[in-house]
Amino acid sequence: MGLLKNILLWTSKNDWISNKLPKYKFVKNSLSRFMPGETLVEALNECVKLENLNYGTIITYLGENTTEREQTYKIVHHYINALNDIKTKSLGTLISVKLTQLGLDIDINLCIENMQKLLKVANDNNAFIWVDMEEYCYLDKTLQVYNDLKKMNNNIGITLQAYLFRTEKDLIDLLPQATYIRLVKGAYIESSDVSMKIKNDIDENYLKLSKIMLSKEYLGNGFKPSFATHDDDIINFINTEASNQHIDCSLYEISMLYGIRRNLQNKLVKESQNIKILISYGEEWFPWYIRRIAENPKNLLLLVK
């Protein structure tokens, strides 16, 4: 299974395959399970449906590693329109962004300026913005951008990856000033020097980190943790830990991807769990799609079918 995952992740970064495979109809057909459409309109229409069913929603415009300054401005403009459309539709939808999409590969100051523009609009609209975590080579820069912006903005959240050895230290460093932290397992190929490779080790570290994030010391200061997982055992652990500490489920959230484990999503929302669904959209969906399959290679069967 580990070999298959590595092959899939390699595929997600291969330019030739990324240009060829998405043109096949059967690939696009399989995509519809995980993405309601490529446009903002389609994403927000799905948000309306989900929020009417008591789900919270997050959207992310797919794309990364932007190399043209002008292109970053177009992406900022797109997200500003998204934030304004969300307000017009009276939705609670948040946006989640990748910093390489906003110019991190070009100039860190450009990236900070672009993020500041988005944070201002989000603040005016009474919303906050999630920052995605990307490959390990961007980790320090991502934390630098987050820490710089957090000094001026309280409406920004950061994502941490449980499969990295250093994440516990990063979490402890961030918690005293963080308002929102989202914990994911991690979905990139990384060196064994920096990341765990065995699923049980990653799961154990996720549980350890989630327990730290549920500490009343931080929750009492306005911190709200988000746990991005589709794992029943992890969700049960988090809910049990919260219950044992008399922490109401409104003080934390479970975040899940659109289209993955829908039965579990329905079960959680019926139990009044605070759950948010992340909807991805955009033309540059192939690398993201392959990483989703790589997270659980059993999803490859959906593509084959």
C-alpha atoms as a PDB file:
ATOM      1  CA  MET A   1       0.000   0.000   0.000  1.00  0.00           C
ATOM      2  CA  GLY A   2       2.902   2.363   0.757  1.00  0.00           C
ATOM      3  CA  LEU A   3       4.368   1.808  -2.706  1.00  0.00           C
ATOM      4  CA  LEU A   4       1.031   2.563  -4.355  1.00  0.00           C
ATOM      5  CA  LYS A   5       0.707   5.754  -2.321  1.00  0.00           C
ATOM      6  CA  ASN A   6       4.181   6.899  -3.408  1.00  0.00           C
ATOM      7  CA  ILE A   7       3.365   6.171  -7.054  1.00  0.00           C
ATOM      8  CA  LEU A   8       0.154   8.197  -6.791  1.00  0.00           C
ATOM      9  CA  LEU A   9       1.914  11.129  -5.134  1.00  0.00           C
ATOM     10  CA  TRP A  10       4.622  11.048  -7.810  1.00  0.00           C
ATOM     11  CA  THR A  11       1.864  11.072 -10.435  1.00  0.00           C
ATOM     12  CA  SER A  12       0.336  14.191  -8.864  1.00  0.00           C
ATOM     13  CA  LYS A  13       3.547  16.137  -9.556  1.00  0.00           C
ATOM     14  CA  ASN A  14       4.238  14.790 -13.064  1.00  0.00           C
ATOM     15  CA  ASP A  15       3.481  17.538 -15.595  1.00  0.00           C
ATOM     16  CA  TRP A  16       2.973  15.189 -18.565  1.00  0.00           C
ATOM     17  CA  ILE A  17       0.452  13.011 -16.726  1.00  0.00           C
ATOM     18  CA  SER A  18      -1.242  16.089 -15.224  1.00  0.00           C
ATOM     19  CA  ASN A  19      -1.830  17.433 -18.724  1.00  0.00           C
ATOM     20  CA  LYS A  20      -2.971  14.146 -20.297  1.00  0.00           C
ATOM     21  CA  LEU A  21      -5.128  12.260 -17.788  1.00  0.00           C
ATOM     22  CA  PRO A  22      -7.635  15.046 -16.937  1.00  0.00           C
ATOM     23  CA  LYS A  23      -8.715  15.079 -20.595  1.00  0.00           C
ATOM     24  CA  TYR A  24     -10.160  11.572 -20.326  1.00  0.00           C
ATOM     25  CA  LYS A  25     -13.892  11.516 -19.660  1.00  0.00           C
ATOM     26  CA  PHE A  26     -13.722   8.614 -17.189  1.00  0.00           C
ATOM     27  CA  VAL A  27     -11.317  10.610 -14.987  1.00  0.00           C
ATOM     28  CA  LYS A  28     -13.638  13.638 -14.942  1.00  0.00           C
ATOM     29  CA  ASN A  29     -16.617  11.403 -14.218  1.00  0.00           C
ATOM     30  CA  SER A  30     -14.895   9.939 -11.158  1.00  0.00           C
ATOM     31  CA  LEU A  31     -14.018  13.464 -10.000  1.00  0.00           C
ATOM     32  CA  SER A  32     -17.675  14.429  -9.573  1.00  0.00           C
ATOM     33  CA  ARG A  33     -17.856  12.401  -6.348  1.00  0.00           C
ATOM     34  CA  PHE A  34     -15.258  14.652  -4.712  1.00  0.00           C
ATOM     35  CA  MET A  35     -15.953  18.025  -6.362  1.00  0.00           C
ATOM     36  CA  PRO A  36     -19.346  19.541  -7.278  1.00  0.00           C
ATOM     37  CA  GLY A  37     -17.828  21.509 -10.172  1.00  0.00           C
ATOM     38  CA  GLU A  38     -14.942  23.657 -11.355  1.00  0.00           C
ATOM     39  CA  THR A  39     -16.575  27.065 -10.831  1.00  0.00           C
ATOM     40  CA  LEU A  40     -17.161  29.267  -7.790  1.00  0.00           C
ATOM     41  CA  VAL A  41     -20.892  29.327  -8.586  1.00  0.00           C
ATOM     42  CA  GLU A  42     -21.072  25.519  -8.430  1.00  0.00           C
ATOM     43  CA  ALA A  43     -19.094  25.441  -5.173  1.00  0.00           C
ATOM     44  CA  LEU A  44     -21.292  28.057  -3.478  1.00  0.00           C
ATOM     45  CA  ASN A  45     -24.501  26.407  -4.711  1.00  0.00           C
ATOM     46  CA  GLU A  46     -23.354  23.249  -2.934  1.00  0.00           C
ATOM     47  CA  CYS A  47     -22.552  25.307   0.179  1.00  0.00           C
ATOM     48  CA  VAL A  48     -26.148  26.542   0.210  1.00  0.00           C
ATOM     49  CA  LYS A  49     -27.439  22.947   0.106  1.00  0.00           C
ATOM     50  CA  LEU A  50     -25.067  21.787   2.836  1.00  0.00           C
ATOM     51  CA  GLU A  51     -25.737  24.710   5.182  1.00  0.00           C
ATOM     52  CA  ASN A  52     -29.461  24.054   4.830  1.00  0.00           C
ATOM     53  CA  LEU A  53     -28.653  20.581   6.201  1.00  0.00           C
ATOM     54  CA  ASN A  54     -26.790  22.102   9.191  1.00  0.00           C
ATOM     55  CA  TYR A  55     -23.253  21.577   7.881  1.00  0.00           C
ATOM     56  CA  GLY A  56     -20.647  24.296   8.033  1.00  0.00           C
ATOM     57  CA  THR A  57     -18.715  24.863   4.808  1.00  0.00           C
ATOM     58  CA  ILE A  58     -15.253  25.844   3.596  1.00  0.00           C
ATOM     59  CA  ILE A  59     -14.184  26.403  -0.015  1.00  0.00           C
ATOM     60  CA  THR A  60     -10.741  26.341  -1.598  1.00  0.00           C
ATOM     61  CA  TYR A  61      -9.820  27.417  -5.134  1.00  0.00           C
ATOM     62  CA  LEU A  62      -7.444  24.791  -6.473  1.00  0.00           C
ATOM     63  CA  GLY A  63      -3.988  25.742  -7.685  1.00  0.00           C
ATOM     64  CA  GLU A  64      -0.497  26.102  -6.254  1.00  0.00           C
ATOM     65  CA  ASN A  65       3.060  27.229  -7.036  1.00  0.00           C
ATOM     66  CA  THR A  66       2.045  30.363  -8.937  1.00  0.00           C
ATOM     67  CA  THR A  67       5.091  31.829 -10.704  1.00  0.00           C
ATOM     68  CA  GLU A  68       3.640  35.034 -12.194  1.00  0.00           C
ATOM     69  CA  ARG A  69       3.037  38.109 -10.027  1.00  0.00           C
ATOM     70  CA  GLU A  70       0.016  39.159 -12.107  1.00  0.00           C
ATOM     71  CA  GLN A  71      -1.531  35.724 -11.669  1.00  0.00           C
ATOM     72  CA  THR A  72      -1.395  36.096  -7.887  1.00  0.00           C
ATOM     73  CA  TYR A  73      -3.369  39.340  -8.207  1.00  0.00           C
ATOM     74  CA  LYS A  74      -6.020  37.510 -10.268  1.00  0.00           C
ATOM     75  CA  ILE A  75      -6.286  34.840  -7.567  1.00  0.00           C
ATOM     76  CA  VAL A  76      -6.659  37.503  -4.861  1.00  0.00           C
ATOM     77  CA  HIS A  77      -9.387  39.144  -6.954  1.00  0.00           C
ATOM     78  CA  HIS A  78     -11.116  35.766  -7.316  1.00  0.00           C
ATOM     79  CA  TYR A  79     -11.079  35.171  -3.550  1.00  0.00           C
ATOM     80  CA  ILE A  80     -12.329  38.711  -2.830  1.00  0.00           C
ATOM     81  CA  ASN A  81     -15.256  38.054  -5.160  1.00  0.00           C
ATOM     82  CA  ALA A  82     -15.819  34.739  -3.365  1.00  0.00           C
ATOM     83  CA  LEU A  83     -15.877  36.430   0.047  1.00  0.00           C
ATOM     84  CA  ASN A  84     -18.342  39.047  -1.196  1.00  0.00           C
ATOM     85  CA  ASP A  85     -20.563  36.426  -2.837  1.00  0.00           C
ATOM     86  CA  ILE A  86     -20.563  34.469   0.432  1.00  0.00           C
ATOM     87  CA  LYS A  87     -21.771  37.579   2.266  1.00  0.00           C
ATOM     88  CA  THR A  88     -24.420  38.310  -0.367  1.00  0.00           C
ATOM     89  CA  LYS A  89     -25.761  34.762  -0.044  1.00  0.00           C
ATOM     90  CA  SER A  90     -25.724  35.044   3.781  1.00  0.00           C
ATOM     91  CA  LEU A  91     -23.544  31.956   4.058  1.00  0.00           C
ATOM     92  CA  GLY A  92     -21.167  31.045   6.875  1.00  0.00           C
ATOM     93  CA  THR A  93     -18.675  29.691   4.335  1.00  0.00           C
ATOM     94  CA  LEU A  94     -14.963  30.231   4.980  1.00  0.00           C
ATOM     95  CA  ILE A  95     -12.099  30.147   2.476  1.00  0.00           C
ATOM     96  CA  SER A  96      -8.896  28.127   2.715  1.00  0.00           C
ATOM     97  CA  VAL A  97      -5.829  29.229   0.728  1.00  0.00           C
ATOM     98  CA  LYS A  98      -2.405  27.926  -0.254  1.00  0.00           C
ATOM     99  CA  LEU A  99       0.359  30.490   0.151  1.00  0.00           C
ATOM    100  CA  THR A 100       2.220  29.291  -2.960  1.00  0.00           C
ATOM    101  CA  GLN A 101      -0.937  30.265  -4.855  1.00  0.00           C
ATOM    102  CA  LEU A 102      -0.509  33.810  -3.526  1.00  0.00           C
ATOM    103  CA  GLY A 103       3.162  34.216  -4.448  1.00  0.00           C
ATOM    104  CA  LEU A 104       5.241  32.448  -1.795  1.00  0.00           C
ATOM    105  CA  ASP A 105       7.532  31.086  -4.537  1.00  0.00           C
ATOM    106  CA  ILE A 106       8.002  34.591  -5.955  1.00  0.00           C
ATOM    107  CA  ASP A 107       8.463  36.863  -2.931  1.00  0.00           C
ATOM    108  CA  ILE A 108       7.385  36.330   0.668  1.00  0.00           C
ATOM    109  CA  ASN A 109       6.457  40.020   0.984  1.00  0.00           C
ATOM    110  CA  LEU A 110       4.173  39.733  -2.048  1.00  0.00           C
ATOM    111  CA  CYS A 111       2.494  36.763  -0.395  1.00  0.00           C
ATOM    112  CA  ILE A 112       2.011  38.693   2.863  1.00  0.00           C
ATOM    113  CA  GLU A 113       0.546  41.682   0.972  1.00  0.00           C
ATOM    114  CA  ASN A 114      -1.888  39.439  -0.908  1.00  0.00           C
ATOM    115  CA  MET A 115      -2.970  37.677   2.270  1.00  0.00           C
ATOM    116  CA  GLN A 116      -3.446  41.005   4.049  1.00  0.00           C
ATOM    117  CA  LYS A 117      -5.865  42.126   1.314  1.00  0.00           C
ATOM    118  CA  LEU A 118      -7.912  38.950   1.771  1.00  0.00           C
ATOM    119  CA  LEU A 119      -7.877  39.208   5.562  1.00  0.00           C
ATOM    120  CA  LYS A 120      -9.186  42.778   5.409  1.00  0.00           C
ATOM    121  CA  VAL A 121     -12.153  41.772   3.239  1.00  0.00           C
ATOM    122  CA  ALA A 122     -12.776  38.706   5.403  1.00  0.00           C
ATOM    123  CA  ASN A 123     -12.720  40.860   8.539  1.00  0.00           C
ATOM    124  CA  ASP A 124     -15.178  43.330   6.973  1.00  0.00           C
ATOM    125  CA  ASN A 125     -17.412  40.342   6.222  1.00  0.00           C
ATOM    126  CA  ASN A 126     -17.040  38.913   9.751  1.00  0.00           C
ATOM    127  CA  ALA A 127     -15.136  35.832   8.551  1.00  0.00           C
ATOM    128  CA  PHE A 128     -11.708  34.282   8.927  1.00  0.00           C
ATOM    129  CA  ILE A 129      -9.326  32.566   6.497  1.00  0.00           C
ATOM    130  CA  TRP A 130      -7.616  29.200   6.782  1.00  0.00           C
ATOM    131  CA  VAL A 131      -4.018  28.859   5.583  1.00  0.00           C
ATOM    132  CA  ASP A 132      -3.277  25.406   4.153  1.00  0.00           C
ATOM    133  CA  MET A 133       0.013  23.682   4.915  1.00  0.00           C
ATOM    134  CA  GLU A 134       1.969  22.510   1.886  1.00  0.00           C
ATOM    135  CA  GLU A 135       5.196  20.558   1.413  1.00  0.00           C
ATOM    136  CA  TYR A 136       7.848  20.555   4.133  1.00  0.00           C
ATOM    137  CA  CYS A 137      10.113  22.922   2.180  1.00  0.00           C
ATOM    138  CA  TYR A 138       7.457  25.636   2.688  1.00  0.00           C
ATOM    139  CA  LEU A 139       6.811  25.001   6.379  1.00  0.00           C
ATOM    140  CA  ASP A 140       9.082  27.634   7.916  1.00  0.00           C
ATOM    141  CA  LYS A 141       8.022  30.302   5.406  1.00  0.00           C
ATOM    142  CA  THR A 142       4.358  29.463   5.949  1.00  0.00           C
ATOM    143  CA  LEU A 143       4.747  29.836   9.713  1.00  0.00           C
ATOM    144  CA  GLN A 144       6.650  33.095   9.180  1.00  0.00           C
ATOM    145  CA  VAL A 145       3.817  34.514   7.052  1.00  0.00           C
ATOM    146  CA  TYR A 146       1.226  33.329   9.569  1.00  0.00           C
ATOM    147  CA  ASN A 147       3.079  34.788  12.568  1.00  0.00           C
ATOM    148  CA  ASP A 148       3.611  38.132  10.817  1.00  0.00           C
ATOM    149  CA  LEU A 149      -0.044  38.391   9.840  1.00  0.00           C
ATOM    150  CA  LYS A 150      -1.341  37.153  13.207  1.00  0.00           C
ATOM    151  CA  LYS A 151       0.201  40.207  14.872  1.00  0.00           C
ATOM    152  CA  MET A 152      -2.206  42.409  12.896  1.00  0.00           C
ATOM    153  CA  ASN A 153      -5.128  40.040  12.309  1.00  0.00           C
ATOM    154  CA  ASN A 154      -7.110  37.771  14.578  1.00  0.00           C
ATOM    155  CA  ASN A 155      -9.104  36.212  11.720  1.00  0.00           C
ATOM    156  CA  ILE A 156      -6.472  33.809  10.399  1.00  0.00           C
ATOM    157  CA  GLY A 157      -6.100  30.070  11.001  1.00  0.00           C
ATOM    158  CA  ILE A 158      -3.147  27.762  10.336  1.00  0.00           C
ATOM    159  CA  THR A 159      -2.965  24.082   9.383  1.00  0.00           C
ATOM    160  CA  LEU A 160      -0.504  21.607  10.931  1.00  0.00           C
ATOM    161  CA  GLN A 161       0.396  18.107   9.725  1.00  0.00           C
ATOM    162  CA  ALA A 162       0.468  15.213  12.199  1.00  0.00           C
ATOM    163  CA  TYR A 163       2.938  13.116  10.212  1.00  0.00           C
ATOM    164  CA  LEU A 164       5.809  15.565  10.764  1.00  0.00           C
ATOM    165  CA  PHE A 165       8.095  14.941  13.726  1.00  0.00           C
ATOM    166  CA  ARG A 166       8.355  18.664  14.521  1.00  0.00           C
ATOM    167  CA  THR A 167       4.618  19.363  14.656  1.00  0.00           C
ATOM    168  CA  GLU A 168       4.273  18.943  18.421  1.00  0.00           C
ATOM    169  CA  LYS A 169       6.850  21.684  18.995  1.00  0.00           C
ATOM    170  CA  ASP A 170       5.214  23.907  16.352  1.00  0.00           C
ATOM    171  CA  LEU A 171       1.838  23.374  18.010  1.00  0.00           C
ATOM    172  CA  ILE A 172       3.131  24.258  21.482  1.00  0.00           C
ATOM    173  CA  ASP A 173       4.785  27.396  20.077  1.00  0.00           C
ATOM    174  CA  LEU A 174       1.603  28.496  18.286  1.00  0.00           C
ATOM    175  CA  LEU A 175      -1.047  27.760  20.915  1.00  0.00           C
ATOM    176  CA  PRO A 176      -0.485  30.787  23.199  1.00  0.00           C
ATOM    177  CA  GLN A 177      -1.409  33.213  20.397  1.00  0.00           C
ATOM    178  CA  ALA A 178      -3.385  31.083  17.915  1.00  0.00           C
ATOM    179  CA  THR A 179      -7.126  31.484  17.443  1.00  0.00           C
ATOM    180  CA  TYR A 180      -7.670  28.689  14.940  1.00  0.00           C
ATOM    181  CA  ILE A 181      -5.523  25.613  14.261  1.00  0.00           C
ATOM    182  CA  ARG A 182      -6.548  22.789  11.941  1.00  0.00           C
ATOM    183  CA  LEU A 183      -4.866  19.406  12.341  1.00  0.00           C
ATOM    184  CA  VAL A 184      -4.479  17.132   9.305  1.00  0.00           C
ATOM    185  CA  LYS A 185      -2.502  13.917   8.837  1.00  0.00           C
ATOM    186  CA  GLY A 186      -0.446  15.131   5.847  1.00  0.00           C
ATOM    187  CA  ALA A 187      -0.578  14.281   2.149  1.00  0.00           C
ATOM    188  CA  TYR A 188       2.837  14.879   0.567  1.00  0.00           C
ATOM    189  CA  ILE A 189       5.900  12.724  -0.054  1.00  0.00           C
ATOM    190  CA  GLU A 190       8.435  13.747   2.591  1.00  0.00           C
ATOM    191  CA  SER A 191      11.791  12.410   3.731  1.00  0.00           C
ATOM    192  CA  SER A 192      11.822   9.887   6.569  1.00  0.00           C
ATOM    193  CA  ASP A 193      14.100  12.382   8.330  1.00  0.00           C
ATOM    194  CA  VAL A 194      11.185  14.759   8.830  1.00  0.00           C
ATOM    195  CA  SER A 195       8.022  12.644   8.617  1.00  0.00           C
ATOM    196  CA  MET A 196       6.533   9.436   9.950  1.00  0.00           C
ATOM    197  CA  LYS A 197       5.822   6.681   7.445  1.00  0.00           C
ATOM    198  CA  ILE A 198       3.858   4.113   9.438  1.00  0.00           C
ATOM    199  CA  LYS A 199       0.097   4.726   9.667  1.00  0.00           C
ATOM    200  CA  ASN A 200      -0.165   3.659  13.314  1.00  0.00           C
ATOM    201  CA  ASP A 201       2.598   6.113  14.266  1.00  0.00           C
ATOM    202  CA  ILE A 202       0.838   8.937  12.442  1.00  0.00           C
ATOM    203  CA  ASP A 203      -2.496   8.064  14.056  1.00  0.00           C
ATOM    204  CA  GLU A 204      -0.945   7.935  17.541  1.00  0.00           C
ATOM    205  CA  ASN A 205       0.674  11.315  17.007  1.00  0.00           C
ATOM    206  CA  TYR A 206      -2.626  12.737  15.753  1.00  0.00           C
ATOM    207  CA  LEU A 207      -4.329  11.585  18.957  1.00  0.00           C
ATOM    208  CA  LYS A 208      -1.542  13.033  21.084  1.00  0.00           C
ATOM    209  CA  LEU A 209      -1.727  16.401  19.313  1.00  0.00           C
ATOM    210  CA  SER A 210      -5.523  16.506  19.442  1.00  0.00           C
ATOM    211  CA  LYS A 211      -5.417  15.960  23.195  1.00  0.00           C
ATOM    212  CA  ILE A 212      -3.095  18.968  23.549  1.00  0.00           C
ATOM    213  CA  MET A 213      -5.423  21.059  21.368  1.00  0.00           C
ATOM    214  CA  LEU A 214      -8.384  20.189  23.608  1.00  0.00           C
ATOM    215  CA  SER A 215      -6.667  21.551  26.694  1.00  0.00           C
ATOM    216  CA  LYS A 216      -8.985  23.895  28.605  1.00  0.00           C
ATOM    217  CA  GLU A 217      -6.008  26.196  29.174  1.00  0.00           C
ATOM    218  CA  TYR A 218      -6.197  27.212  25.508  1.00  0.00           C
ATOM    219  CA  LEU A 219      -9.915  26.780  24.860  1.00  0.00           C
ATOM    220  CA  GLY A 220     -10.599  29.238  27.657  1.00  0.00           C
ATOM    221  CA  ASN A 221      -8.606  31.894  25.805  1.00  0.00           C
ATOM    222  CA  GLY A 222     -10.828  31.743  22.719  1.00  0.00           C
ATOM    223  CA  PHE A 223      -8.871  29.118  20.805  1.00  0.00           C
ATOM    224  CA  LYS A 224     -10.984  26.851  18.564  1.00  0.00           C
ATOM    225  CA  PRO A 225      -9.377  23.644  17.251  1.00  0.00           C
ATOM    226  CA  SER A 226     -10.372  21.927  14.030  1.00  0.00           C
ATOM    227  CA  PHE A 227      -9.718  18.222  13.443  1.00  0.00           C
ATOM    228  CA  ALA A 228      -9.587  17.250   9.769  1.00  0.00           C
ATOM    229  CA  THR A 229     -10.151  13.493   9.658  1.00  0.00           C
ATOM    230  CA  HIS A 230     -12.411  10.785   8.237  1.00  0.00           C
ATOM    231  CA  ASP A 231     -11.231   8.204  10.771  1.00  0.00           C
ATOM    232  CA  ASP A 232     -13.985   6.850  13.076  1.00  0.00           C
ATOM    233  CA  ASP A 233     -11.546   5.896  15.822  1.00  0.00           C
ATOM    234  CA  ILE A 234      -9.930   9.330  15.873  1.00  0.00           C
ATOM    235  CA  ILE A 235     -13.291  11.113  15.884  1.00  0.00           C
ATOM    236  CA  ASN A 236     -14.511   8.881  18.722  1.00  0.00           C
ATOM    237  CA  PHE A 237     -11.328   9.592  20.691  1.00  0.00           C
ATOM    238  CA  ILE A 238     -11.737  13.354  20.250  1.00  0.00           C
ATOM    239  CA  ASN A 239     -15.397  13.282  21.277  1.00  0.00           C
ATOM    240  CA  THR A 240     -14.662  11.070  24.287  1.00  0.00           C
ATOM    241  CA  GLU A 241     -11.772  13.284  25.376  1.00  0.00           C
ATOM    242  CA  ALA A 242     -13.973  16.365  25.070  1.00  0.00           C
ATOM    243  CA  SER A 243     -16.800  14.697  26.988  1.00  0.00           C
ATOM    244  CA  ASN A 244     -14.456  13.608  29.795  1.00  0.00           C
ATOM    245  CA  GLN A 245     -13.295  17.210  30.162  1.00  0.00           C
ATOM    246  CA  HIS A 246     -16.865  18.579  29.900  1.00  0.00           C
ATOM    247  CA  ILE A 247     -16.009  20.432  26.701  1.00  0.00           C
ATOM    248  CA  ASP A 248     -19.067  21.243  24.605  1.00  0.00           C
ATOM    249  CA  CYS A 249     -18.873  20.115  20.974  1.00  0.00           C
ATOM    250  CA  SER A 250     -19.468  23.723  19.868  1.00  0.00           C
ATOM    251  CA  LEU A 251     -15.940  24.573  21.104  1.00  0.00           C
ATOM    252  CA  TYR A 252     -14.231  22.402  18.479  1.00  0.00           C
ATOM    253  CA  GLU A 253     -15.037  21.104  15.014  1.00  0.00           C
ATOM    254  CA  ILE A 254     -14.549  18.102  12.767  1.00  0.00           C
ATOM    255  CA  SER A 255     -13.557  18.973   9.200  1.00  0.00           C
ATOM    256  CA  MET A 256     -14.173  16.536   6.337  1.00  0.00           C
ATOM    257  CA  LEU A 257     -13.760  16.612   2.569  1.00  0.00           C
ATOM    258  CA  TYR A 258     -16.755  16.865   0.285  1.00  0.00           C
ATOM    259  CA  GLY A 259     -17.872  13.462  -0.972  1.00  0.00           C
ATOM    260  CA  ILE A 260     -15.726  11.327   1.335  1.00  0.00           C
ATOM    261  CA  ARG A 261     -17.531   9.108   3.859  1.00  0.00           C
ATOM    262  CA  ARG A 262     -20.899  10.742   3.348  1.00  0.00           C
ATOM    263  CA  ASN A 263     -22.645   8.256   5.639  1.00  0.00           C
ATOM    264  CA  LEU A 264     -20.320   9.232   8.471  1.00  0.00           C
ATOM    265  CA  GLN A 265     -20.873  12.920   7.718  1.00  0.00           C
ATOM    266  CA  ASN A 266     -24.646  12.421   7.889  1.00  0.00           C
ATOM    267  CA  LYS A 267     -24.314  10.500  11.162  1.00  0.00           C
ATOM    268  CA  LEU A 268     -22.224  13.247  12.771  1.00  0.00           C
ATOM    269  CA  VAL A 269     -24.520  16.079  11.726  1.00  0.00           C
ATOM    270  CA  LYS A 270     -27.537  14.144  13.058  1.00  0.00           C
ATOM    271  CA  GLU A 271     -25.688  13.889  16.375  1.00  0.00           C
ATOM    272  CA  SER A 272     -25.357  17.700  16.350  1.00  0.00           C
ATOM    273  CA  GLN A 273     -21.596  17.453  15.871  1.00  0.00           C
ATOM    274  CA  ASN A 274     -19.958  20.714  14.815  1.00  0.00           C
ATOM    275  CA  ILE A 275     -18.829  19.602  11.338  1.00  0.00           C
ATOM    276  CA  LYS A 276     -17.502  21.538   8.359  1.00  0.00           C
ATOM    277  CA  ILE A 277     -17.270  20.247   4.793  1.00  0.00           C
ATOM    278  CA  LEU A 278     -14.347  21.413   2.643  1.00  0.00           C
ATOM    279  CA  ILE A 279     -15.330  21.905  -0.994  1.00  0.00           C
ATOM    280  CA  SER A 280     -12.581  22.235  -3.588  1.00  0.00           C
ATOM    281  CA  TYR A 281     -13.162  23.687  -7.052  1.00  0.00           C
ATOM    282  CA  GLY A 282     -11.220  25.062 -10.010  1.00  0.00           C
ATOM    283  CA  GLU A 283      -9.613  23.916 -13.241  1.00  0.00           C
ATOM    284  CA  GLU A 284      -6.314  22.857 -11.635  1.00  0.00           C
ATOM    285  CA  TRP A 285      -7.828  19.875  -9.836  1.00  0.00           C
ATOM    286  CA  PHE A 286      -5.629  16.965 -10.937  1.00  0.00           C
ATOM    287  CA  PRO A 287      -2.745  17.161  -8.375  1.00  0.00           C
ATOM    288  CA  TRP A 288      -5.261  17.701  -5.561  1.00  0.00           C
ATOM    289  CA  TYR A 289      -7.418  14.806  -6.786  1.00  0.00           C
ATOM    290  CA  ILE A 290      -4.525  12.360  -6.921  1.00  0.00           C
ATOM    291  CA  ARG A 291      -3.405  13.365  -3.402  1.00  0.00           C
ATOM    292  CA  ARG A 292      -6.938  12.629  -2.163  1.00  0.00           C
ATOM    293  CA  ILE A 293      -6.733   9.156  -3.687  1.00  0.00           C
ATOM    294  CA  ALA A 294      -3.241   8.685  -2.221  1.00  0.00           C
ATOM    295  CA  GLU A 295      -4.530   9.476   1.288  1.00  0.00           C
ATOM    296  CA  ASN A 296      -6.620   6.321   0.995  1.00  0.00           C
ATOM    297  CA  PRO A 297      -5.605   4.256  -2.061  1.00  0.00           C
ATOM    298  CA  LYS A 298      -8.881   2.321  -1.747  1.00  0.00           C
ATOM    299  CA  ASN A 299     -10.390   5.390  -3.430  1.00  0.00           C
ATOM    300  CA  LEU A 300      -8.526   4.265  -6.543  1.00  0.00           C
ATOM    301  CA  LEU A 301     -11.299   1.681  -6.972  1.00  0.00           C
ATOM    302  CA  LEU A 302     -13.716   4.556  -7.603  1.00  0.00           C
ATOM    303  CA  LEU A 303     -11.547   5.738 -10.477  1.00  0.00           C
ATOM    304  CA  VAL A 304     -11.272   2.201 -11.878  1.00  0.00           C
ATOM    305  CA  LYS A 305     -15.071   1.714 -11.687  1.00  0.00           C
END
